[in-house]
C-alpha atoms as a PDB file:
ATOM      1  CA  MET A   1     -39.867  -5.201  13.325  1.00  0.00           C
ATOM      2  CA  ALA A   2     -41.306  -1.767  14.095  1.00  0.00           C
ATOM      3  CA  VAL A   3     -44.441  -3.298  15.579  1.00  0.00           C
ATOM      4  CA  ILE A   4     -42.286  -4.583  18.454  1.00  0.00           C
ATOM      5  CA  PHE A   5     -41.268  -1.004  19.215  1.00  0.00           C
ATOM      6  CA  THR A   6     -44.915   0.019  19.101  1.00  0.00           C
ATOM      7  CA  VAL A   7     -45.842  -2.648  21.641  1.00  0.00           C
ATOM      8  CA  ALA A   8     -43.124  -1.224  23.885  1.00  0.00           C
ATOM      9  CA  VAL A   9     -44.716   2.231  23.643  1.00  0.00           C
ATOM     10  CA  LEU A  10     -48.136   0.922  24.709  1.00  0.00           C
ATOM     11  CA  LYS A  11     -46.571  -0.948  27.614  1.00  0.00           C
ATOM     12  CA  GLU A  12     -44.713   2.178  28.704  1.00  0.00           C
ATOM     13  CA  PHE A  13     -47.593   4.644  28.393  1.00  0.00           C
ATOM     14  CA  GLU A  14     -50.999   3.537  29.677  1.00  0.00           C
ATOM     15  CA  ASP A  15     -52.620   6.597  28.112  1.00  0.00           C
ATOM     16  CA  VAL A  16     -51.798   5.283  24.628  1.00  0.00           C
ATOM     17  CA  HIS A  17     -54.843   3.131  23.906  1.00  0.00           C
ATOM     18  CA  PHE A  18     -54.304   2.240  20.261  1.00  0.00           C
ATOM     19  CA  ALA A  19     -51.701   2.358  17.518  1.00  0.00           C
ATOM     20  CA  TYR A  20     -51.833   1.639  13.818  1.00  0.00           C
ATOM     21  CA  GLY A  21     -48.960   1.490  11.412  1.00  0.00           C
ATOM     22  CA  VAL A  22     -47.236   0.246   8.307  1.00  0.00           C
ATOM     23  CA  SER A  23     -43.473  -0.190   7.970  1.00  0.00           C
ATOM     24  CA  ASP A  24     -41.985   2.315  10.449  1.00  0.00           C
ATOM     25  CA  GLU A  25     -44.833   4.852  10.309  1.00  0.00           C
ATOM     26  CA  TYR A  26     -47.114   4.483  13.323  1.00  0.00           C
ATOM     27  CA  SER A  27     -49.978   6.559  14.652  1.00  0.00           C
ATOM     28  CA  PHE A  28     -50.479   6.495  18.422  1.00  0.00           C
ATOM     29  CA  VAL A  29     -53.893   7.321  19.869  1.00  0.00           C
ATOM     30  CA  LEU A  30     -54.078   8.673  23.408  1.00  0.00           C
ATOM     31  CA  LYS A  31     -57.247   8.519  25.455  1.00  0.00           C
ATOM     32  CA  LYS A  32     -59.352  11.649  25.162  1.00  0.00           C
ATOM     33  CA  GLU A  33     -59.009  12.652  28.815  1.00  0.00           C
ATOM     34  CA  SER A  34     -55.254  12.001  28.959  1.00  0.00           C
ATOM     35  CA  GLU A  35     -53.182  14.297  31.156  1.00  0.00           C
ATOM     36  CA  LEU A  36     -49.886  12.764  30.064  1.00  0.00           C
ATOM     37  CA  TYR A  37     -47.170  15.412  30.477  1.00  0.00           C
ATOM     38  CA  LYS A  38     -49.982  17.908  31.131  1.00  0.00           C
ATOM     39  CA  ARG A  39     -51.012  17.487  27.473  1.00  0.00           C
ATOM     40  CA  GLN A  40     -47.873  19.240  26.240  1.00  0.00           C
ATOM     41  CA  SER A  41     -47.566  17.926  22.695  1.00  0.00           C
ATOM     42  CA  SER A  42     -43.808  18.459  22.421  1.00  0.00           C
ATOM     43  CA  LYS A  43     -43.148  16.334  25.513  1.00  0.00           C
ATOM     44  CA  ILE A  44     -45.565  13.603  24.428  1.00  0.00           C
ATOM     45  CA  ILE A  45     -43.954  13.392  20.990  1.00  0.00           C
ATOM     46  CA  SER A  46     -40.403  13.343  22.334  1.00  0.00           C
ATOM     47  CA  ALA A  47     -41.229  10.690  24.953  1.00  0.00           C
ATOM     48  CA  ILE A  48     -42.962   8.343  22.501  1.00  0.00           C
ATOM     49  CA  ALA A  49     -40.258   8.814  19.857  1.00  0.00           C
ATOM     50  CA  SER A  50     -37.608   8.192  22.512  1.00  0.00           C
ATOM     51  CA  VAL A  51     -39.109   4.869  23.652  1.00  0.00           C
ATOM     52  CA  PHE A  52     -39.672   3.814  20.029  1.00  0.00           C
ATOM     53  CA  THR A  53     -36.066   4.627  19.090  1.00  0.00           C
ATOM     54  CA  SER A  54     -34.410   3.147  22.178  1.00  0.00           C
ATOM     55  CA  THR A  55     -36.362  -0.096  21.720  1.00  0.00           C
ATOM     56  CA  TYR A  56     -35.091  -0.201  18.131  1.00  0.00           C
ATOM     57  CA  VAL A  57     -31.523  -0.148  19.455  1.00  0.00           C
ATOM     58  CA  MET A  58     -32.203  -2.712  22.193  1.00  0.00           C
ATOM     59  CA  LYS A  59     -33.958  -5.160  19.847  1.00  0.00           C
ATOM     60  CA  TRP A  60     -31.620  -4.810  16.871  1.00  0.00           C
ATOM     61  CA  GLY A  61     -29.529  -7.822  17.883  1.00  0.00           C
ATOM     62  CA  ASP A  62     -32.646 -10.009  18.203  1.00  0.00           C
ATOM     63  CA  PHE A  63     -33.474  -9.458  14.541  1.00  0.00           C
ATOM     64  CA  PHE A  64     -29.961  -9.148  13.111  1.00  0.00           C
ATOM     65  CA  PRO A  65     -27.599 -11.080  15.418  1.00  0.00           C
ATOM     66  CA  GLN A  66     -24.827 -11.173  12.814  1.00  0.00           C
ATOM     67  CA  LYS A  67     -25.159  -7.565  11.708  1.00  0.00           C
ATOM     68  CA  GLU A  68     -23.769  -4.578  13.572  1.00  0.00           C
ATOM     69  CA  LEU A  69     -25.917  -1.477  13.988  1.00  0.00           C
ATOM     70  CA  LYS A  70     -23.654   1.061  12.312  1.00  0.00           C
ATOM     71  CA  TYR A  71     -25.714   4.237  12.567  1.00  0.00           C
ATOM     72  CA  PRO A  72     -27.871   5.597  15.405  1.00  0.00           C
ATOM     73  CA  PRO A  73     -31.561   5.489  14.404  1.00  0.00           C
ATOM     74  CA  SER A  74     -33.884   8.435  14.883  1.00  0.00           C
ATOM     75  CA  PHE A  75     -37.624   8.930  14.457  1.00  0.00           C
ATOM     76  CA  ASP A  76     -39.689  12.078  14.408  1.00  0.00           C
ATOM     77  CA  GLY A  77     -43.360  12.734  14.990  1.00  0.00           C
ATOM     78  CA  ARG A  78     -46.111  15.304  15.202  1.00  0.00           C
ATOM     79  CA  ALA A  79     -49.219  15.697  17.321  1.00  0.00           C
ATOM     80  CA  VAL A  80     -52.712  16.190  15.913  1.00  0.00           C
ATOM     81  CA  CYS A  81     -55.784  16.805  18.051  1.00  0.00           C
ATOM     82  CA  TYR A  82     -58.879  15.395  16.359  1.00  0.00           C
ATOM     83  CA  PRO A  83     -62.093  16.988  17.673  1.00  0.00           C
ATOM     84  CA  THR A  84     -64.347  13.914  17.394  1.00  0.00           C
ATOM     85  CA  TYR A  85     -64.032  10.136  17.419  1.00  0.00           C
ATOM     86  CA  LYS A  86     -65.634  10.009  13.970  1.00  0.00           C
ATOM     87  CA  ILE A  87     -62.866  12.151  12.497  1.00  0.00           C
ATOM     88  CA  LEU A  88     -60.267  10.036  14.297  1.00  0.00           C
ATOM     89  CA  LEU A  89     -61.774   6.830  12.896  1.00  0.00           C
ATOM     90  CA  ASP A  90     -61.876   8.391   9.425  1.00  0.00           C
ATOM     91  CA  TYR A  91     -58.164   9.177   9.737  1.00  0.00           C
ATOM     92  CA  LEU A  92     -57.321   5.617  10.814  1.00  0.00           C
ATOM     93  CA  ALA A  93     -59.445   4.236   7.972  1.00  0.00           C
ATOM     94  CA  TRP A  94     -57.603   6.478   5.508  1.00  0.00           C
ATOM     95  CA  ARG A  95     -54.290   5.137   6.779  1.00  0.00           C
ATOM     96  CA  GLN A  96     -55.414   1.559   6.174  1.00  0.00           C
ATOM     97  CA  VAL A  97     -56.697   2.386   2.697  1.00  0.00           C
ATOM     98  CA  ASP A  98     -53.320   3.981   1.980  1.00  0.00           C
ATOM     99  CA  CYS A  99     -51.616   0.802   3.224  1.00  0.00           C
ATOM    100  CA  HIS A 100     -53.582  -1.269   0.703  1.00  0.00           C
ATOM    101  CA  ILE A 101     -52.947   1.132  -2.185  1.00  0.00           C
ATOM    102  CA  ASN A 102     -49.199   1.293  -1.552  1.00  0.00           C
ATOM    103  CA  ASN A 103     -48.815  -2.445  -0.980  1.00  0.00           C
ATOM    104  CA  GLN A 104     -50.750  -3.364  -4.099  1.00  0.00           C
ATOM    105  CA  TYR A 105     -48.762  -0.916  -6.216  1.00  0.00           C
ATOM    106  CA  ASN A 106     -45.410  -2.024  -4.784  1.00  0.00           C
ATOM    107  CA  THR A 107     -46.263  -5.706  -5.268  1.00  0.00           C
ATOM    108  CA  CYS A 108     -47.097  -5.081  -8.927  1.00  0.00           C
ATOM    109  CA  PHE A 109     -44.103  -2.805  -9.439  1.00  0.00           C
ATOM    110  CA  TRP A 110     -41.495  -5.223  -8.105  1.00  0.00           C
ATOM    111  CA  MET A 111     -43.019  -8.206  -9.901  1.00  0.00           C
ATOM    112  CA  LEU A 112     -42.744  -6.259 -13.160  1.00  0.00           C
ATOM    113  CA  VAL A 113     -39.124  -5.385 -12.360  1.00  0.00           C
ATOM    114  CA  LYS A 114     -38.377  -9.042 -11.594  1.00  0.00           C
ATOM    115  CA  SER A 115     -39.937 -10.014 -14.922  1.00  0.00           C
ATOM    116  CA  GLY A 116     -37.375  -7.908 -16.781  1.00  0.00           C
ATOM    117  CA  LYS A 117     -38.865  -4.433 -17.069  1.00  0.00           C
ATOM    118  CA  THR A 118     -36.884  -1.416 -15.936  1.00  0.00           C
ATOM    119  CA  LYS A 119     -38.174   0.657 -13.031  1.00  0.00           C
ATOM    120  CA  THR A 120     -39.232   3.405 -15.437  1.00  0.00           C
ATOM    121  CA  GLN A 121     -41.048   0.917 -17.671  1.00  0.00           C
ATOM    122  CA  SER A 122     -42.795  -0.559 -14.634  1.00  0.00           C
ATOM    123  CA  GLN A 123     -43.926   2.876 -13.462  1.00  0.00           C
ATOM    124  CA  ASP A 124     -45.246   3.716 -16.929  1.00  0.00           C
ATOM    125  CA  TYR A 125     -47.031   0.354 -17.157  1.00  0.00           C
ATOM    126  CA  LEU A 126     -48.861   0.941 -13.873  1.00  0.00           C
ATOM    127  CA  LYS A 127     -49.691   4.593 -14.477  1.00  0.00           C
ATOM    128  CA  GLY A 128     -53.446   5.127 -14.304  1.00  0.00           C
ATOM    129  CA  THR A 129     -54.290   1.525 -13.381  1.00  0.00           C
ATOM    130  CA  GLN A 130     -57.022   0.850 -10.833  1.00  0.00           C
ATOM    131  CA  THR A 131     -57.345  -1.805  -8.123  1.00  0.00           C
ATOM    132  CA  ARG A 132     -59.131  -4.312 -10.371  1.00  0.00           C
ATOM    133  CA  GLU A 133     -56.525  -3.955 -13.109  1.00  0.00           C
ATOM    134  CA  LYS A 134     -53.662  -4.468 -10.678  1.00  0.00           C
ATOM    135  CA  ASN A 135     -55.348  -7.572  -9.265  1.00  0.00           C
ATOM    136  CA  GLU A 136     -55.755  -8.959 -12.775  1.00  0.00           C
ATOM    137  CA  LEU A 137     -52.102  -8.225 -13.572  1.00  0.00           C
ATOM    138  CA  LEU A 138     -50.919 -10.121 -10.501  1.00  0.00           C
ATOM    139  CA  SER A 139     -53.273 -13.031 -11.125  1.00  0.00           C
ATOM    140  CA  ARG A 140     -52.890 -13.499 -14.875  1.00  0.00           C
ATOM    141  CA  GLN A 141     -49.246 -12.610 -15.363  1.00  0.00           C
ATOM    142  CA  PHE A 142     -47.675 -13.754 -12.095  1.00  0.00           C
ATOM    143  CA  GLY A 143     -50.143 -16.231 -10.598  1.00  0.00           C
ATOM    144  CA  ILE A 144     -50.568 -14.164  -7.442  1.00  0.00           C
ATOM    145  CA  GLU A 145     -53.942 -13.681  -5.799  1.00  0.00           C
ATOM    146  CA  TYR A 146     -53.648 -10.357  -4.021  1.00  0.00           C
ATOM    147  CA  ASN A 147     -56.117 -11.305  -1.294  1.00  0.00           C
ATOM    148  CA  SER A 148     -53.959 -14.302  -0.381  1.00  0.00           C
ATOM    149  CA  LEU A 149     -50.936 -12.149   0.487  1.00  0.00           C
ATOM    150  CA  PRO A 150     -50.092 -11.875   4.217  1.00  0.00           C
ATOM    151  CA  LEU A 151     -52.496  -9.635   6.118  1.00  0.00           C
ATOM    152  CA  ILE A 152     -49.671  -7.652   7.688  1.00  0.00           C
ATOM    153  CA  PHE A 153     -48.858  -6.218   4.261  1.00  0.00           C
ATOM    154  CA  ARG A 154     -52.451  -5.674   3.125  1.00  0.00           C
ATOM    155  CA  MET A 155     -53.923  -4.450   6.413  1.00  0.00           C
ATOM    156  CA  GLY A 156     -51.009  -3.063   8.400  1.00  0.00           C
ATOM    157  CA  SER A 157     -50.736  -3.606  12.160  1.00  0.00           C
ATOM    158  CA  SER A 158     -53.139  -2.576  14.914  1.00  0.00           C
ATOM    159  CA  VAL A 159     -51.800  -2.598  18.469  1.00  0.00           C
ATOM    160  CA  PHE A 160     -54.121  -2.352  21.466  1.00  0.00           C
ATOM    161  CA  ARG A 161     -54.956  -3.724  24.902  1.00  0.00           C
ATOM    162  CA  LEU A 162     -57.434  -6.514  25.447  1.00  0.00           C
ATOM    163  CA  LYS A 163     -60.290  -6.742  27.818  1.00  0.00           C
ATOM    164  CA  GLU A 164     -60.229 -10.054  29.688  1.00  0.00           C
ATOM    165  CA  ALA A 165     -61.141 -12.861  27.301  1.00  0.00           C
ATOM    166  CA  VAL A 166     -61.791 -16.482  28.247  1.00  0.00           C
ATOM    167  CA  ALA A 167     -62.611 -19.460  26.019  1.00  0.00           C
ATOM    168  CA  PHE A 168     -64.527 -22.420  27.457  1.00  0.00           C
ATOM    169  CA  GLU A 169     -65.335 -25.889  26.177  1.00  0.00           C
ATOM    170  CA  ASN A 170     -67.602 -28.159  28.213  1.00  0.00           C
ATOM    171  CA  GLY A 171     -67.008 -25.951  31.211  1.00  0.00           C
ATOM    172  CA  VAL A 172     -63.218 -26.196  30.900  1.00  0.00           C
ATOM    173  CA  VAL A 173     -61.076 -23.094  30.359  1.00  0.00           C
ATOM    174  CA  LEU A 174     -59.128 -23.563  27.124  1.00  0.00           C
ATOM    175  CA  TRP A 175     -57.273 -20.259  27.233  1.00  0.00           C
ATOM    176  CA  LYS A 176     -57.413 -16.937  28.964  1.00  0.00           C
ATOM    177  CA  LYS A 177     -56.030 -13.571  28.000  1.00  0.00           C
ATOM    178  CA  LEU A 178     -55.592 -11.067  30.772  1.00  0.00           C
ATOM    179  CA  GLU A 179     -57.122  -7.628  30.738  1.00  0.00           C
ATOM    180  CA  GLY A 180     -54.544  -5.085  29.680  1.00  0.00           C
ATOM    181  CA  GLU A 181     -52.487  -7.511  27.609  1.00  0.00           C
ATOM    182  CA  VAL A 182     -51.049  -5.694  24.593  1.00  0.00           C
ATOM    183  CA  VAL A 183     -51.764  -7.529  21.351  1.00  0.00           C
ATOM    184  CA  VAL A 184     -51.052  -7.065  17.653  1.00  0.00           C
ATOM    185  CA  ASP A 185     -53.704  -7.753  15.036  1.00  0.00           C
ATOM    186  CA  HIS A 186     -53.682  -7.379  11.254  1.00  0.00           C
ATOM    187  CA  CYS A 187     -57.363  -6.676  10.872  1.00  0.00           C
ATOM    188  CA  ASN A 188     -59.883  -4.500   9.083  1.00  0.00           C
ATOM    189  CA  ILE A 189     -60.294  -1.261  11.041  1.00  0.00           C
ATOM    190  CA  ILE A 190     -62.237   0.468   8.272  1.00  0.00           C
ATOM    191  CA  GLU A 191     -65.412  -1.477   8.985  1.00  0.00           C
ATOM    192  CA  HIS A 192     -67.354  -0.705  12.156  1.00  0.00           C
ATOM    193  CA  ALA A 193     -67.197  -4.327  13.327  1.00  0.00           C
ATOM    194  CA  PHE A 194     -63.704  -4.002  14.811  1.00  0.00           C
ATOM    195  CA  TRP A 195     -64.635  -1.017  16.969  1.00  0.00           C
ATOM    196  CA  GLU A 196     -67.901  -2.637  18.041  1.00  0.00           C
ATOM    197  CA  GLU A 197     -65.966  -5.741  19.080  1.00  0.00           C
ATOM    198  CA  HIS A 198     -63.487  -3.652  21.090  1.00  0.00           C
ATOM    199  CA  PRO A 199     -65.530  -0.740  22.493  1.00  0.00           C
ATOM    200  CA  HIS A 200     -63.115  -0.362  25.407  1.00  0.00           C
ATOM    201  CA  ILE A 201     -60.399   1.078  23.140  1.00  0.00           C
ATOM    202  CA  PHE A 202     -62.338   4.318  23.013  1.00  0.00           C
ATOM    203  CA  SER A 203     -65.979   5.253  22.814  1.00  0.00           C
ATOM    204  CA  TYR A 204     -67.386   4.477  19.409  1.00  0.00           C
ATOM    205  CA  SER A 205     -70.743   5.518  18.065  1.00  0.00           C
END
């Protein structure tokens, strides 16, 4: 649901070139030379949070047509200025690693709870376990292959604009995506391949 609000932010602010998030926690990346609101962080934060929140209210009925919104939503934020693209990419990679760690833990935790353990017992059972051990737990005890779970949960959501892309077959245009179209992808942004495939998002080296 929150990814829809993130798309709205990118459509509203051209200086926001990329966003990555999980659940309702999104990071918005502005272009390096942005002069949005004269680079005043408080105004940038309030404007982005405002669009994000107002879109939440506007879209609520699309997701929950039979459920009334009973409390006004609010979101906060903070601005961080990263000095280099490498540090920025390291931060985004850390966020995706954190997405995987939390999703894997939560998947194991709730499967243990469903199997009859208490929440405390489930926490104790998982304490100190590593990725491989959690994968084995899901596979052997619950028949779940972690890598087959939906990408949105394992990878989070990346939101960005496309360069013009056209697919041909025998000289015939099969499909065409317009430059500037905002898209959502649940992809690996830790590896360099994503940034090499989309160098227009921001300079990568």
